[in-house]
Protein backbone atom coordinates (compact mmCIF):
# COMPACT_ATOMS: atom_id res chain seq x y z
CA UNK A 1 16.48 45.97 51.19
CA UNK A 2 18.01 42.75 49.96
CA UNK A 3 15.93 40.94 47.05
CA UNK A 4 13.79 37.82 48.34
CA UNK A 5 16.13 36.06 45.54
CA UNK A 6 19.76 36.96 47.11
CA UNK A 7 21.40 34.37 48.09
CA UNK A 8 22.24 35.11 51.95
CA UNK A 9 18.24 36.11 52.33
CA UNK A 10 17.08 32.10 50.87
CA UNK A 11 19.19 30.33 53.40
CA UNK A 12 17.99 32.60 56.28
CA UNK A 13 14.53 32.20 55.33
CA UNK A 14 15.26 28.12 54.96
CA UNK A 15 16.55 27.96 57.93
CA UNK A 16 13.26 29.36 59.95
CA UNK A 17 11.42 27.24 58.41
CA UNK A 18 13.30 23.93 59.53
CA UNK A 19 13.35 21.65 62.52
CA UNK A 20 14.69 23.01 65.45
CA UNK A 21 17.03 20.39 65.30
CA UNK A 22 18.69 20.81 62.33
CA UNK A 23 21.76 22.75 61.61
CA UNK A 24 21.78 25.77 59.60
CA UNK A 25 23.52 25.41 56.35
CA UNK A 26 22.74 21.55 56.59
CA UNK A 27 21.00 20.60 52.91
CA UNK A 28 17.36 19.57 53.16
CA UNK A 29 16.51 15.96 51.70
CA UNK A 30 12.83 16.00 51.00
CA UNK A 31 12.80 12.46 49.23
CA UNK A 32 16.05 10.50 50.87
CA UNK A 33 15.07 7.09 49.69
CA UNK A 34 13.99 8.31 46.12
CA UNK A 35 15.71 6.36 43.34
CA UNK A 36 15.18 7.75 40.07
CA UNK A 37 15.74 3.86 38.52
CA UNK A 38 12.83 2.91 39.69
CA UNK A 39 10.95 5.23 37.71
CA UNK A 40 8.57 4.07 34.51
CA UNK A 41 10.71 7.10 32.53
CA UNK A 42 13.68 5.49 33.59
CA UNK A 43 13.05 1.89 32.04
CA UNK A 44 11.15 3.29 28.88
CA UNK A 45 14.59 5.41 28.55
CA UNK A 46 16.44 2.12 28.40
CA UNK A 47 14.07 -0.35 26.78
CA UNK A 48 14.52 1.81 23.62
CA UNK A 49 18.17 1.32 23.48
CA UNK A 50 16.81 -2.74 23.05
CA UNK A 51 15.00 -1.47 19.94
CA UNK A 52 15.82 -1.76 16.65
CA UNK A 53 16.11 0.33 13.91
CA UNK A 54 16.64 -1.47 10.93
CA UNK A 55 13.36 -0.74 9.67
CA UNK A 56 13.32 2.93 10.01
CA UNK A 57 17.18 3.18 8.12
CA UNK A 58 15.51 1.05 5.35
CA UNK A 59 12.46 3.85 4.94
CA UNK A 60 14.76 6.15 5.01
CA UNK A 61 16.70 4.64 2.14
CA UNK A 62 13.18 3.25 0.42
CA UNK A 63 12.04 7.19 0.35
CA UNK A 64 15.51 9.07 -1.07
CA UNK A 65 15.19 5.96 -3.50
CA UNK A 66 11.48 6.57 -4.92
CA UNK A 67 11.70 10.36 -4.48
CA UNK A 68 14.47 11.18 -5.51
CA UNK A 69 17.90 12.50 -3.44
CA UNK A 70 17.17 15.97 -1.95
CA UNK A 71 18.40 19.21 -3.10
CA UNK A 72 21.92 19.87 -2.87
CA UNK A 73 21.47 22.45 -0.53
CA UNK A 74 19.76 19.95 2.37
CA UNK A 75 22.33 18.77 4.87
CA UNK A 76 20.46 15.93 5.76
CA UNK A 77 20.66 13.51 3.24
CA UNK A 78 17.79 11.17 4.13
CA UNK A 79 15.76 13.61 3.06
CA UNK A 80 14.10 13.31 -0.28
CA UNK A 81 12.58 15.63 -2.77
CA UNK A 82 8.88 14.39 -2.91
CA UNK A 83 7.62 12.98 0.20
CA UNK A 84 7.74 9.33 0.91
CA UNK A 85 7.26 7.84 4.25
CA UNK A 86 6.06 9.31 7.75
CA UNK A 87 7.97 12.32 7.34
CA UNK A 88 6.72 15.17 7.17
CA UNK A 89 3.65 14.26 9.04
CA UNK A 90 1.84 17.30 7.88
CA UNK A 91 2.40 16.00 4.37
CA UNK A 92 2.06 12.89 2.06
CA UNK A 93 -0.85 10.81 1.23
CA UNK A 94 -2.48 9.59 4.58
CA UNK A 95 -2.89 5.69 5.41
CA UNK A 96 -3.03 5.28 9.25
CA UNK A 97 0.07 5.59 10.46
CA UNK A 98 1.39 6.14 6.84
CA UNK A 99 1.60 2.17 6.65
CA UNK A 100 1.94 0.89 3.22
CA UNK A 101 -1.65 1.42 0.74
CA UNK A 102 -2.07 -2.54 -0.25
CA UNK A 103 -4.76 -2.01 -2.95
CA UNK A 104 -4.45 -6.25 -3.79
CA UNK A 105 -6.51 -7.45 -1.15
CA UNK A 106 -5.28 -10.90 -1.74
CA UNK A 107 -1.78 -9.70 -0.33
CA UNK A 108 -3.45 -8.68 2.79
CA UNK A 109 -2.07 -12.30 4.22
CA UNK A 110 1.77 -10.84 4.00
CA UNK A 111 1.20 -8.84 6.64
CA UNK A 112 0.55 -9.10 10.20
CA UNK A 113 -1.94 -6.49 10.90
CA UNK A 114 -4.98 -5.18 7.90
CA UNK A 115 -6.55 -1.67 8.29
CA UNK A 116 -9.77 -1.65 6.74
CA UNK A 117 -12.61 1.36 7.05
CA UNK A 118 -16.22 1.32 7.18
CA UNK A 119 -17.12 4.53 6.52
CA UNK A 120 -20.90 3.69 7.28
CA UNK A 121 -23.68 6.14 9.48
CA UNK A 122 -26.49 5.05 7.96
CA UNK A 123 -27.67 3.28 11.67
CA UNK A 124 -27.43 5.93 13.78
CA UNK A 125 -30.34 7.71 15.40
CA UNK A 126 -29.01 10.90 16.20
CA UNK A 127 -25.95 12.68 14.71
CA UNK A 128 -24.90 11.63 11.51
CA UNK A 129 -21.17 11.95 9.92
CA UNK A 130 -19.27 9.11 11.12
CA UNK A 131 -19.14 8.24 7.55
CA UNK A 132 -15.93 10.56 7.26
CA UNK A 133 -14.61 8.71 10.65
CA UNK A 134 -11.84 6.29 8.81
CA UNK A 135 -10.53 9.42 6.82
CA UNK A 136 -10.50 11.04 10.12
CA UNK A 137 -8.66 8.52 11.66
CA UNK A 138 -6.25 8.27 9.03
CA UNK A 139 -5.60 12.04 9.05
CA UNK A 140 -4.71 12.80 12.63
CA UNK A 141 -2.85 9.34 12.80
CA UNK A 142 -0.18 10.92 10.81
CA UNK A 143 0.27 13.08 13.68
CA UNK A 144 2.30 9.91 15.30
CA UNK A 145 4.69 7.57 15.25
CA UNK A 146 5.14 3.89 15.47
CA UNK A 147 7.32 4.33 18.49
CA UNK A 148 5.31 4.60 21.73
CA UNK A 149 7.69 5.82 24.65
CA UNK A 150 6.12 4.01 27.75
CA UNK A 151 5.34 0.96 26.39
CA UNK A 152 8.93 0.30 25.17
CA UNK A 153 7.52 -0.52 21.71
CA UNK A 154 8.22 0.10 17.62
CA UNK A 155 5.39 -0.93 15.55
CA UNK A 156 7.48 -0.15 12.66
CA UNK A 157 10.72 -2.96 13.71
CA UNK A 158 8.35 -5.39 15.17
CA UNK A 159 5.23 -5.94 13.01
CA UNK A 160 3.86 -5.34 9.59
CA UNK A 161 0.78 -3.64 9.09
CA UNK A 162 -0.85 -2.47 5.57
CA UNK A 163 -4.02 -0.18 5.16
CA UNK A 164 -6.32 -1.87 2.83
CA UNK A 165 -8.67 1.30 2.49
CA UNK A 166 -12.30 1.43 3.01
CA UNK A 167 -15.18 -1.34 2.37
CA UNK A 168 -17.55 0.50 -0.12
CA UNK A 169 -20.53 0.91 2.18
CA UNK A 170 -24.28 1.34 0.78
CA UNK A 171 -25.67 4.50 2.51
CA UNK A 172 -29.19 4.27 3.70
CA UNK A 173 -29.13 0.27 3.31
CA UNK A 174 -27.94 -1.31 6.19
CA UNK A 175 -28.57 -4.99 5.36
CA UNK A 176 -26.52 -4.49 1.67
CA UNK A 177 -23.79 -2.44 4.18
CA UNK A 178 -23.71 -5.52 6.86
CA UNK A 179 -22.84 -7.73 3.75
CA UNK A 180 -19.69 -5.94 2.45
CA UNK A 181 -18.32 -5.59 5.86
CA UNK A 182 -18.82 -9.61 7.14
CA UNK A 183 -17.51 -10.36 3.81
CA UNK A 184 -14.27 -7.88 3.68
CA UNK A 185 -13.67 -8.96 7.45
CA UNK A 186 -13.93 -12.40 6.44
CA UNK A 187 -11.50 -12.25 4.11
CA UNK A 188 -8.81 -10.24 6.19
CA UNK A 189 -9.57 -12.58 8.60
CA UNK A 190 -9.08 -15.69 6.43
CA UNK A 191 -6.12 -14.92 5.39
CA UNK A 192 -4.68 -14.79 8.35
CA UNK A 193 -4.17 -10.95 9.40
CA UNK A 194 -5.47 -8.86 12.09
CA UNK A 195 -8.18 -7.08 10.69
CA UNK A 196 -8.25 -3.76 12.83
CA UNK A 197 -11.53 -1.50 12.18
CA UNK A 198 -11.90 2.07 11.62
CA UNK A 199 -15.91 3.28 11.74
CA UNK A 200 -18.65 3.93 11.45
CA UNK A 201 -21.54 4.26 13.82
CA UNK A 202 -21.62 1.09 15.66
CA UNK A 203 -23.97 -0.58 13.92
CA UNK A 204 -20.95 -1.71 11.82
CA UNK A 205 -20.36 -4.41 14.88
CA UNK A 206 -22.55 -6.92 14.20
CA UNK A 207 -20.92 -7.53 10.49
CA UNK A 208 -18.00 -7.66 12.22
CA UNK A 209 -18.06 -10.29 14.34
CA UNK A 210 -20.51 -11.99 11.99
CA UNK A 211 -17.46 -11.92 9.20
CA UNK A 212 -15.03 -13.61 11.75
CA UNK A 213 -17.55 -15.57 13.46
CA UNK A 214 -18.16 -17.10 9.70
CA UNK A 215 -14.36 -18.30 9.16
CA UNK A 216 -14.39 -20.52 12.63
CA UNK A 217 -16.25 -22.90 14.73
CA UNK A 218 -14.51 -21.16 18.10
CA UNK A 219 -16.27 -19.60 20.73
CA UNK A 220 -15.71 -15.84 20.84
CA UNK A 221 -15.91 -14.02 23.57
CA UNK A 222 -16.64 -9.90 23.25
CA UNK A 223 -15.48 -6.80 25.30
CA UNK A 224 -16.52 -3.53 24.39
CA UNK A 225 -16.36 0.03 25.49
CA UNK A 226 -19.13 2.70 25.53
CA UNK A 227 -21.39 4.65 27.27
CA UNK A 228 -24.19 2.77 26.06
CA UNK A 229 -25.39 -1.38 26.13
CA UNK A 230 -26.40 -1.37 22.40
CA UNK A 231 -28.07 -4.98 23.03
CA UNK A 232 -31.70 -4.16 21.97
CA UNK A 233 -33.03 -6.10 18.86
CA UNK A 234 -34.57 -3.24 17.09
CA UNK A 235 -33.91 0.65 16.77
CA UNK A 236 -36.68 2.88 14.83
CA UNK A 237 -37.68 -0.97 12.90
CA UNK A 238 -34.03 -1.36 11.83
CA UNK A 239 -30.85 -2.52 12.92
CA UNK A 240 -29.31 0.38 14.30
CA UNK A 241 -26.25 1.17 16.16
CA UNK A 242 -27.64 0.30 19.78
CA UNK A 243 -28.43 -3.07 18.46
CA UNK A 244 -25.25 -4.67 17.67
CA UNK A 245 -24.56 -7.37 20.25
CA UNK A 246 -27.88 -8.31 20.25
CA UNK A 247 -27.88 -9.52 16.63
CA UNK A 248 -23.97 -10.70 17.42
CA UNK A 249 -24.46 -12.95 20.24
CA UNK A 250 -27.52 -14.74 18.53
CA UNK A 251 -24.43 -16.34 16.54
CA UNK A 252 -24.02 -19.80 17.32
CA UNK A 253 -20.86 -19.25 18.60
CA UNK A 254 -21.05 -16.00 19.99
CA UNK A 255 -22.20 -16.36 23.57
CA UNK A 256 -23.52 -13.06 25.32
CA UNK A 257 -22.35 -14.55 28.72
CA UNK A 258 -19.03 -13.70 27.72
CA UNK A 259 -20.09 -10.19 26.86
CA UNK A 260 -18.67 -7.77 28.50
CA UNK A 261 -19.40 -3.95 28.22
CA UNK A 262 -17.59 -1.42 30.24
CA UNK A 263 -18.51 2.58 30.97
CA UNK A 264 -21.99 1.66 30.38
CA UNK A 265 -24.36 4.81 32.29
CA UNK A 266 -25.99 8.40 31.72
CA UNK A 267 -29.51 8.87 30.54
CA UNK A 268 -29.06 7.33 26.98
CA UNK A 269 -29.54 3.79 27.91
CA UNK A 270 -32.45 2.33 26.88
CA UNK A 271 -34.81 0.16 28.91
CA UNK A 272 -35.38 -2.19 25.97
CA UNK A 273 -31.27 -2.75 25.70
CA UNK A 274 -30.98 -2.81 30.09
CA UNK A 275 -33.52 -6.02 29.99
CA UNK A 276 -31.97 -7.56 27.39
CA UNK A 277 -28.91 -7.64 28.59
CA UNK A 278 -30.12 -8.86 31.84
CA UNK A 279 -32.35 -11.78 30.15
CA UNK A 280 -28.70 -12.98 28.02
CA UNK A 281 -26.70 -12.83 31.17
CA UNK A 282 -24.11 -9.89 29.78
CA UNK A 283 -21.98 -8.46 31.99
CA UNK A 284 -21.88 -4.90 32.17
CA UNK A 285 -19.56 -2.66 33.96
CA UNK A 286 -20.40 1.11 35.02
CA UNK A 287 -18.44 3.67 35.41
CA UNK A 288 -19.18 4.04 39.19
CA UNK A 289 -17.50 0.45 39.15
CA UNK A 290 -14.47 1.54 36.96
CA UNK A 291 -14.01 4.35 39.48
CA UNK A 292 -14.27 1.75 42.69
CA UNK A 293 -11.87 -0.84 41.38
CA UNK A 294 -9.80 1.06 39.11
CA UNK A 295 -8.58 0.59 35.92
CA UNK A 296 -6.41 -2.65 36.11
CA UNK A 297 -9.15 -4.61 38.33
CA UNK A 298 -11.95 -3.93 35.73
CA UNK A 299 -9.41 -5.01 32.86
CA UNK A 300 -8.72 -8.20 34.71
CA UNK A 301 -12.66 -8.63 35.35
CA UNK A 302 -12.93 -8.24 31.45
CA UNK A 303 -10.45 -10.34 30.58
CA UNK A 304 -11.49 -13.22 32.89
CA UNK A 305 -15.10 -13.13 31.30
CA UNK A 306 -14.16 -12.77 27.87
CA UNK A 307 -11.83 -15.82 27.98
CA UNK A 308 -14.29 -18.46 30.18
CA UNK A 309 -14.34 -20.79 28.00
CA UNK A 310 -13.85 -18.63 24.75
CA UNK A 311 -10.98 -19.16 22.21
CA UNK A 312 -11.23 -15.75 20.49
CA UNK A 313 -11.89 -12.46 22.35
CA UNK A 314 -12.98 -9.31 19.61
CA UNK A 315 -12.81 -5.76 21.37
CA UNK A 316 -14.91 -2.83 20.43
CA UNK A 317 -13.94 0.63 21.61
CA UNK A 318 -17.24 3.54 20.89
CA UNK A 319 -15.78 6.75 21.32
CA UNK A 320 -18.51 8.16 23.04
CA UNK A 321 -17.40 6.11 25.76
CA UNK A 322 -15.08 8.64 26.58
CA UNK A 323 -16.28 11.76 28.07
CA UNK A 324 -18.40 14.20 25.66
CA UNK A 325 -15.70 17.01 26.93
CA UNK A 326 -13.24 15.68 25.05
CA UNK A 327 -15.29 14.27 22.16
CA UNK A 328 -17.99 17.10 21.49
CA UNK A 329 -18.23 15.72 18.13
CA UNK A 330 -20.01 12.14 18.76
CA UNK A 331 -23.35 11.28 17.72
CA UNK A 332 -24.13 10.69 21.01
CA UNK A 333 -22.79 13.19 23.70
CA UNK A 334 -22.67 11.77 27.16
CA UNK A 335 -21.33 12.98 30.27
CA UNK A 336 -19.08 11.43 32.88
CA UNK A 337 -17.44 8.82 30.66
CA UNK A 338 -13.78 7.86 30.51
CA UNK A 339 -10.96 10.03 30.71
CA UNK A 340 -8.81 10.01 27.96
CA UNK A 341 -5.70 8.25 29.92
CA UNK A 342 -8.37 5.89 31.26
CA UNK A 343 -9.53 5.00 28.35
CA UNK A 344 -5.51 4.26 27.07
CA UNK A 345 -4.99 2.42 30.23
CA UNK A 346 -7.81 0.58 29.51
CA UNK A 347 -8.03 -0.72 25.80
CA UNK A 348 -3.74 -1.17 26.69
CA UNK A 349 -4.13 -3.63 28.99
CA UNK A 350 -6.96 -5.33 26.99
CA UNK A 351 -4.74 -5.00 23.63
CA UNK A 352 -1.54 -6.62 25.86
CA UNK A 353 -3.16 -9.76 26.97
CA UNK A 354 -4.21 -10.38 23.45
CA UNK A 355 -7.18 -11.44 21.52
CA UNK A 356 -6.60 -15.45 20.41
CA UNK A 357 -5.72 -18.08 22.23
CA UNK A 358 -4.40 -20.88 20.26
CA UNK A 359 -5.62 -24.29 21.83
CA UNK A 360 -4.91 -28.10 19.76
CA UNK A 361 -4.70 -31.33 21.07
CA UNK A 362 -1.55 -31.41 19.65
CA UNK A 363 1.20 -31.20 22.52
CA UNK A 364 2.94 -28.02 20.15
CA UNK A 365 2.48 -24.67 21.46
CA UNK A 366 3.24 -21.71 19.31
CA UNK A 367 5.23 -18.94 20.55
CA UNK A 368 3.67 -17.20 22.97
CA UNK A 369 4.16 -12.90 23.27
CA UNK A 370 2.68 -13.04 27.19
CA UNK A 371 4.79 -12.43 30.21
CA UNK A 372 1.41 -13.49 32.16
CA UNK A 373 1.72 -16.98 33.33
CA UNK A 374 -2.22 -17.84 32.95
CA UNK A 375 -2.34 -18.69 29.29
CA UNK A 376 -1.14 -18.11 25.90
CA UNK A 377 -3.41 -15.77 23.67
CA UNK A 378 -1.90 -13.98 20.81
CA UNK A 379 -3.73 -11.33 19.60
CA UNK A 380 -6.71 -11.82 17.25
CA UNK A 381 -9.44 -8.90 16.17
CA UNK A 382 -10.08 -5.69 17.53
CA UNK A 383 -12.55 -2.31 16.00
CA UNK A 384 -12.60 1.16 16.68
CA UNK A 385 -16.03 2.32 16.14
CA UNK A 386 -16.29 6.35 16.22
CA UNK A 387 -19.95 7.93 16.30
CA UNK A 388 -18.40 11.12 15.75
CA UNK A 389 -18.22 13.05 12.69
CA UNK A 390 -14.38 13.96 11.98
CA UNK A 391 -13.09 12.50 15.45
CA UNK A 392 -11.28 9.00 15.96
CA UNK A 393 -9.46 7.01 18.59
CA UNK A 394 -6.67 4.70 18.45
CA UNK A 395 -5.91 1.48 20.10
CA UNK A 396 -2.32 0.18 21.71
CA UNK A 397 -2.17 -3.39 20.36
CA UNK A 398 0.97 -5.28 21.72
CA UNK A 399 3.37 -5.76 18.01
CA UNK A 400 4.59 -8.95 20.17
CA UNK A 401 1.16 -10.51 19.74
CA UNK A 402 0.46 -9.17 16.46
CA UNK A 403 3.41 -10.76 15.12
CA UNK A 404 2.74 -13.97 16.44
CA UNK A 405 -0.83 -14.13 16.63
CA UNK A 406 -1.85 -15.02 13.06
CA UNK A 407 -3.35 -18.51 12.19
CA UNK A 408 -2.56 -20.62 15.48
CA UNK A 409 -6.74 -20.11 16.20
CA UNK A 410 -7.61 -21.39 12.52
CA UNK A 411 -4.43 -24.17 11.92
CA UNK A 412 -1.72 -26.08 13.77
CA UNK A 413 0.60 -25.60 10.87
CA UNK A 414 2.25 -21.70 9.96
CA UNK A 415 0.91 -20.66 6.36
CA UNK A 416 2.65 -18.70 3.51
CA UNK A 417 4.12 -15.33 5.35
CA UNK A 418 3.73 -16.52 8.65
CA UNK A 419 7.30 -15.45 10.05
CA UNK A 420 8.25 -15.48 13.91
CA UNK A 421 11.82 -15.14 13.15
CA UNK A 422 13.59 -12.02 12.46
CA UNK A 423 11.99 -9.55 9.96
CA UNK A 424 13.54 -7.59 7.29
CA UNK A 425 14.52 -4.66 7.51
CA UNK A 426 11.91 -2.66 5.23
CA UNK A 427 9.40 -4.94 6.79
CA UNK A 428 6.96 -1.97 7.62
CA UNK A 429 7.12 -0.52 3.34
CA UNK A 430 7.37 -4.04 2.07
CA UNK A 431 5.37 -7.24 3.44
CA UNK A 432 6.87 -10.75 4.43
CA UNK A 433 8.64 -12.24 2.03
CA UNK A 434 6.59 -15.50 1.67
CA UNK A 435 8.01 -18.83 3.55
CA UNK A 436 8.35 -21.94 1.73
CA UNK A 437 8.47 -25.10 2.88
CA UNK A 438 9.49 -28.37 1.35
CA UNK A 439 6.16 -30.43 -0.13
CA UNK A 440 5.58 -33.90 1.48
CA UNK A 441 4.86 -36.50 -0.84
CA UNK A 442 0.30 -36.86 -0.94
CA UNK A 443 0.20 -39.37 1.95
CA UNK A 444 -0.67 -43.10 0.39
CA UNK A 445 -4.45 -43.36 1.68
CA UNK A 446 -5.74 -40.47 -0.01
CA UNK A 447 -8.45 -40.94 -2.51
CA UNK A 448 -7.21 -39.95 -5.94
CA UNK A 449 -10.51 -37.89 -6.25
CA UNK A 450 -10.17 -35.92 -3.29
CA UNK A 451 -6.81 -34.93 -4.52
CA UNK A 452 -7.78 -33.81 -7.77
CA UNK A 453 -10.35 -32.28 -6.20
CA UNK A 454 -7.58 -30.53 -3.56
CA UNK A 455 -5.99 -29.33 -7.17
CA UNK A 456 -8.57 -27.39 -8.47
CA UNK A 457 -9.57 -25.79 -5.04
CA UNK A 458 -6.26 -24.00 -5.18
CA UNK A 459 -6.45 -23.10 -8.99
CA UNK A 460 -10.39 -22.49 -10.12
CA UNK A 461 -11.87 -19.30 -10.70
CA UNK A 462 -15.22 -20.91 -10.51
CA UNK A 463 -15.68 -22.23 -7.15
CA UNK A 464 -19.58 -22.53 -7.30
CA UNK A 465 -19.31 -24.03 -10.30
CA UNK A 466 -16.27 -26.73 -8.88
CA UNK A 467 -18.98 -27.89 -5.65
CA UNK A 468 -21.49 -28.16 -8.01
CA UNK A 469 -20.21 -30.56 -10.64
CA UNK A 470 -18.97 -32.57 -6.99
CA UNK A 471 -22.81 -32.48 -6.03
CA UNK A 472 -21.71 -31.07 -2.22
CA UNK A 473 -25.32 -29.34 -1.25
CA UNK A 474 -25.21 -25.80 -0.42
CA UNK A 475 -28.21 -25.59 1.64
CA UNK A 476 -29.74 -29.03 2.75
CA UNK A 477 -32.38 -30.74 4.98
CA UNK A 478 -30.29 -31.53 8.36
CA UNK A 479 -34.41 -33.99 9.51
CA UNK A 480 -37.20 -33.09 10.38
CA UNK A 481 -37.41 -29.45 7.93
CA UNK A 482 -34.27 -28.64 9.66
CA UNK A 483 -31.96 -26.51 7.50
CA UNK A 484 -28.30 -27.11 7.24
CA UNK A 485 -25.83 -24.25 5.53
CA UNK A 486 -22.39 -24.57 3.96
CA UNK A 487 -19.55 -22.40 5.52
CA UNK A 488 -16.79 -23.55 4.09
CA UNK A 489 -14.51 -27.01 2.88
CA UNK A 490 -11.43 -27.37 4.66
CA UNK A 491 -8.88 -29.70 3.39
CA UNK A 492 -7.42 -30.51 7.13
CA UNK A 493 -8.79 -32.10 10.15
CA UNK A 494 -8.75 -28.78 11.73
CA UNK A 495 -12.44 -27.29 10.39
CA UNK A 496 -11.28 -24.31 10.46
CA UNK A 497 -9.00 -24.05 7.25
CA UNK A 498 -11.30 -22.61 4.53
CA UNK A 499 -10.70 -22.90 1.01
CA UNK A 500 -13.56 -22.18 0.14
CA UNK A 501 -16.64 -20.19 1.43
CA UNK A 502 -19.73 -19.79 0.39
CA UNK A 503 -21.35 -17.87 3.53
CA UNK A 504 -24.20 -18.02 5.03
CA UNK A 505 -27.08 -17.67 2.96
CA UNK A 506 -25.08 -20.12 0.48
CA UNK A 507 -24.86 -18.03 -2.36
CA UNK A 508 -21.91 -15.05 -1.61
CA UNK A 509 -18.33 -17.26 -2.04
CA UNK A 510 -14.55 -16.42 -0.96
CA UNK A 511 -12.19 -17.99 -2.16
CA UNK A 512 -9.23 -18.70 0.30
CA UNK A 513 -6.47 -20.35 -1.41
CA UNK A 514 -4.63 -23.55 0.84
CA UNK A 515 -0.93 -23.91 1.02
CA UNK A 516 0.35 -26.67 -0.75
CA UNK A 517 2.04 -28.79 1.69
CA UNK A 518 -0.75 -28.40 3.83
CA UNK A 519 -3.24 -30.15 1.25
CA UNK A 520 -0.64 -32.60 0.21
CA UNK A 521 -1.06 -34.08 3.46
CA UNK A 522 -4.45 -33.41 4.40
CA UNK A 523 -6.18 -36.91 5.01
CA UNK A 524 -10.02 -35.87 3.71
CA UNK A 525 -12.06 -33.09 2.38
CA UNK A 526 -14.36 -31.63 5.43
CA UNK A 527 -17.36 -30.16 4.72
CA UNK A 528 -18.27 -27.28 7.38
CA UNK A 529 -22.17 -26.57 7.76
CA UNK A 530 -24.06 -24.20 9.67
CA UNK A 531 -26.86 -26.76 11.64
CA UNK A 532 -29.37 -25.56 13.87
CA UNK A 533 -27.41 -27.33 16.73
CA UNK A 534 -24.33 -25.23 15.94
CA UNK A 535 -21.51 -25.40 13.15
CA UNK A 536 -20.89 -29.01 12.52
CA UNK A 537 -18.38 -30.60 10.08
CA UNK A 538 -19.15 -33.58 7.50
CA UNK A 539 -17.05 -35.68 5.26
CA UNK A 540 -17.86 -35.96 1.69
CA UNK A 541 -19.39 -39.35 1.94
CA UNK A 542 -22.02 -37.97 4.71
CA UNK A 543 -23.38 -35.09 2.30
CA UNK A 544 -22.59 -36.00 -1.49
CA UNK A 545 -26.30 -37.66 -1.97
CA UNK A 546 -28.30 -35.02 -0.12
CA UNK A 547 -30.37 -33.24 -2.00
CA UNK A 548 -29.39 -29.41 -2.22
CA UNK A 549 -32.23 -27.01 -1.39
CA UNK A 550 -30.31 -23.93 -2.37
C-alpha cells in the first residue's frame, strides 16, 4: 500500500478533487490575483531600509567606551564588559525603554519626551498595589526595543527620550500627592518636553491635567480609555480613582464637552458617575459601540469630539479597559473589555493624530508631522494609568509628532533645545545640543524698568521676593469680592510663555527660565491670572496698585 505522502498518490487525490474541466497535472491557483507587494508586511520590510542607524551605532560605541571593551574571547566587539544601553534585555538598571535617566529635572527641556512615574495607590477603592506600577512598567519595557516593525519607526533614531524617575508621592494623603504630581507635570510641560506619566491609580488623572492646565489658557480635550466613567464628585468622601474627570472638567479651560470616554460598561459604573456624565454632556463610547463601529471609526469620532474648538488633547489609558482575562492583576477587574489588539489599535490611531494643535494669529506655520489634510496637530501630553500591581501598559507614540510638537502651543518662537533638523547620532543617550540664536537688540520702546525685570527674572533665585518687590499681587480682588490668583508672569505677547508660575494657590512657585533672545525683543510683561471669568493676562500698569490679599 502506497503511503499518503507518496508524490503519485498526492497528485491522484488532488486530481479527484478538481473541477471536471481542469486537466490532470495542471497547477492550481488559490489566489490568482495575489501580489505580496500589497501586504503590510512587504511595506514594513521596505520602510525599515529608510530608517537611519546612526544613533544605534553611537549607542554601541558609547557602551564600549563607558563599559570597557569585551574580553578577548568575545568576537562581537560591540559587546562591552559592563552592560550599558539597551542590551542585554535581562540586565542593566531599568529605565523606560532603557532611555537615559536624567537626575537633574531642569534638563527635561533638552529632550522631546520625558517619562515620569506617579507611584500612588491611595486613591483606589478596592485592590491597592499600583504604587509599584511605574517600576513594573519600566521592568517589562526592558524587553522591547525602540523600533516597531509594523508602523516603521525607530524612536532612538527619530526623537530624544529621557526618564526623570518618579514623583515623590505621599502615601495616604491624596491632596498632597495631587499637589506634587501637578507641580511635576507643570514643570515638564513648561520645559517643552512631552510628559508621559506612568501610574499609579487613576486618581492621578486630575492632578496631571491640572498641571498642564496651569501652563496654558488654551482649551484642553481629553480622550479616556477605561471600563469605568470616573466622573463622580467623590467616592468614600474623597477624590478617589473614580473621580478624576469631575475635577478635571471643573478647570476653566477643560470643558466636559471635550471629554470622550471609550470602553465604558459592565457592572461597575456607579450611577452617580452616569448622572454627572449626562449633566456635563460628556461623550461615552461603550464596548458595544466599539464592536458596532469598529476601531478606526471610534478613533475618528473621539478625535473629532476631543478636538472640537480645543487646542490640545490629553490622553489617559487605564489598564482595566483591557479585558480582565488579559490583565487579572488590575485593581478593578471587569470582563468584556478590549482585546490587546483593539487597545493598541485605538491608542495608536489617537497618538498618530498628535495631542497639540498649534494656532497663532501669525501666518507662519510650524512643521507638521501629520499626513491627514485636516489640521496640524503635533503631540502634547499623554498618561498611562494602571490600576494593577505589577501590571503595565505602553502607548505607541508617533515619533514624527513628538520630535516636533514641543512648545508650539505655548509660543511662536522655538526655544533652546528645539531641534527640527537632523539629530546628533548619540541622541538616545544624550540630550540635543542647545541651539543658540543670535540675540536681537532690545526694542527701543521697552521700558527700562521692565527690561531690568526681564533680566532679574532670568537670573533670580528668589522669584517670590522679586514679585513682592515689584508690588505684584498674588491674590487680588477682581471686583465684588471675586478673587483672582496669579498663575504666571510672561515675557511675551503670547501669555503661555511662563517665567514665574506661583500656581493656583499663589504660594508654590515654579520657576521657568526664558530664552534671552525672546526676552530682548518682547514688548512688555504680561501677568496671567486665574479669574472667575477664566484665565486673563494684564499689563503691569493694570495690576501694580491692586492690594495683595495673599
